């Protein structure tokens, strides 16, 4: 953060504008309160997405989102695995992502059954 910037934080995530935290306000009524959430990411390195996901999970917790904690999803990005339009070309990766999304659907149904949205 440069000296000309004012720091704002949502959980542990630094923001550089007071307008950047619109989804986390007001406390207890924010856009993520009691909503099902899952975190997934891809990186070219071995742990890049794991570090980023750790920070994002803290923010989602601060916003009271109902996080799916398993399975965790760390995708090793390789250009040959994805087409130019984002289509997943690698069968193993496609199968993993499909399973992840099926688990998230079950998680969403459970969360919304216990905490219905009004």
Protein backbone atom coordinates (compact mmCIF):
# COMPACT_ATOMS: atom_id res chain seq x y z
CA UNK A 1 0.00 0.00 0.00
CA UNK A 2 1.54 3.31 -1.05
CA UNK A 3 1.69 6.38 1.16
CA UNK A 4 -1.05 8.05 -0.90
CA UNK A 5 -3.52 5.26 -0.09
CA UNK A 6 -5.75 4.89 2.93
CA UNK A 7 -5.95 1.31 4.23
CA UNK A 8 -9.25 -0.41 4.90
CA UNK A 9 -9.68 -4.00 5.95
CA UNK A 10 -12.39 -6.65 5.66
CA UNK A 11 -11.31 -9.38 8.03
CA UNK A 12 -7.64 -9.71 7.11
CA UNK A 13 -7.89 -8.53 3.50
CA UNK A 14 -6.48 -5.06 2.85
CA UNK A 15 -8.58 -2.82 0.61
CA UNK A 16 -7.51 0.42 -1.00
CA UNK A 17 -10.83 2.18 -1.24
CA UNK A 18 -13.66 2.66 1.25
CA UNK A 19 -16.02 1.58 -1.54
CA UNK A 20 -14.28 -1.80 -1.92
CA UNK A 21 -16.01 -3.35 1.07
CA UNK A 22 -19.62 -2.89 -0.14
CA UNK A 23 -20.41 -6.57 0.21
CA UNK A 24 -19.30 -6.74 3.86
CA UNK A 25 -21.47 -3.89 5.17
CA UNK A 26 -23.48 -3.34 7.25
CA UNK A 27 -22.32 -5.83 9.88
CA UNK A 28 -24.84 -8.64 10.32
CA UNK A 29 -26.70 -7.72 7.13
CA UNK A 30 -23.93 -8.01 4.56
CA UNK A 31 -24.24 -9.75 1.22
CA UNK A 32 -22.56 -12.94 2.47
CA UNK A 33 -24.35 -13.32 5.81
CA UNK A 34 -25.49 -16.97 6.12
CA UNK A 35 -24.93 -17.66 2.40
CA UNK A 36 -23.29 -20.91 1.33
CA UNK A 37 -19.77 -20.37 0.03
CA UNK A 38 -16.96 -22.46 -1.40
CA UNK A 39 -13.41 -21.46 -2.20
CA UNK A 40 -11.53 -22.82 -5.18
CA UNK A 41 -8.49 -21.57 -7.02
CA UNK A 42 -5.79 -22.31 -9.51
CA UNK A 43 -2.16 -21.26 -9.62
CA UNK A 44 0.89 -22.08 -11.67
CA UNK A 45 2.91 -22.72 -8.52
CA UNK A 46 2.47 -25.44 -5.95
CA UNK A 47 1.00 -23.35 -3.12
CA UNK A 48 -0.12 -20.01 -4.58
CA UNK A 49 -3.82 -20.76 -4.47
CA UNK A 50 -3.55 -22.31 -0.99
CA UNK A 51 -2.17 -19.08 0.44
CA UNK A 52 -4.78 -16.97 -1.36
CA UNK A 53 -7.58 -19.27 -0.23
CA UNK A 54 -6.47 -19.02 3.38
CA UNK A 55 -6.89 -15.25 3.26
CA UNK A 56 -10.22 -15.46 1.47
CA UNK A 57 -11.57 -17.97 3.99
CA UNK A 58 -10.82 -15.47 6.76
CA UNK A 59 -12.79 -12.79 4.94
CA UNK A 60 -15.74 -15.13 4.36
CA UNK A 61 -15.68 -16.08 8.03
CA UNK A 62 -15.70 -12.39 9.01
CA UNK A 63 -18.74 -11.94 6.74
CA UNK A 64 -20.49 -14.93 8.37
CA UNK A 65 -20.68 -17.01 5.18
CA UNK A 66 -21.37 -20.74 5.61
CA UNK A 67 -18.25 -22.25 4.10
CA UNK A 68 -17.87 -25.68 2.64
CA UNK A 69 -14.67 -26.87 4.28
CA UNK A 70 -14.25 -30.14 2.37
CA UNK A 71 -13.30 -31.04 -0.21
CA UNK A 72 -10.62 -28.41 -0.59
CA UNK A 73 -9.78 -27.46 -4.15
CA UNK A 74 -6.29 -26.50 -5.24
CA UNK A 75 -5.94 -26.71 -9.02
CA UNK A 76 -2.46 -26.66 -10.53
CA UNK A 77 -2.91 -24.44 -13.58
CA UNK A 78 -1.33 -25.61 -16.79
CA UNK A 79 -2.20 -23.91 -20.09
CA UNK A 80 -2.80 -27.25 -21.82
CA UNK A 81 -5.52 -28.09 -19.27
CA UNK A 82 -7.76 -25.18 -20.32
CA UNK A 83 -8.97 -23.87 -23.67
CA UNK A 84 -8.89 -20.18 -24.64
CA UNK A 85 -12.52 -19.81 -23.54
CA UNK A 86 -11.88 -21.40 -20.14
CA UNK A 87 -13.17 -24.84 -21.08
CA UNK A 88 -11.50 -27.60 -19.07
CA UNK A 89 -9.69 -29.90 -21.50
CA UNK A 90 -7.99 -32.24 -19.04
CA UNK A 91 -10.34 -35.11 -18.11
CA UNK A 92 -8.91 -35.61 -14.63
CA UNK A 93 -9.27 -31.91 -13.80
CA UNK A 94 -12.78 -31.81 -15.28
CA UNK A 95 -13.79 -34.81 -13.16
CA UNK A 96 -12.37 -33.23 -10.02
CA UNK A 97 -14.15 -29.92 -10.67
CA UNK A 98 -17.42 -31.71 -11.40
CA UNK A 99 -17.18 -33.59 -8.10
CA UNK A 100 -16.35 -30.36 -6.27
CA UNK A 101 -19.43 -28.64 -7.72
CA UNK A 102 -21.64 -31.63 -6.82
CA UNK A 103 -20.41 -31.38 -3.22
CA UNK A 104 -21.08 -27.64 -3.25
CA UNK A 105 -24.63 -28.26 -4.44
CA UNK A 106 -25.22 -30.62 -1.50
CA UNK A 107 -23.65 -28.06 0.86
CA UNK A 108 -25.89 -25.31 -0.53
CA UNK A 109 -29.03 -27.41 -0.11
CA UNK A 110 -28.08 -28.18 3.49
CA UNK A 111 -27.32 -24.56 4.37
CA UNK A 112 -30.49 -23.22 2.77
CA UNK A 113 -32.59 -25.90 4.46
CA UNK A 114 -31.30 -24.88 7.89
CA UNK A 115 -31.09 -21.13 7.22
CA UNK A 116 -33.69 -20.27 4.56
CA UNK A 117 -33.21 -16.97 2.71
CA UNK A 118 -36.08 -14.57 3.14
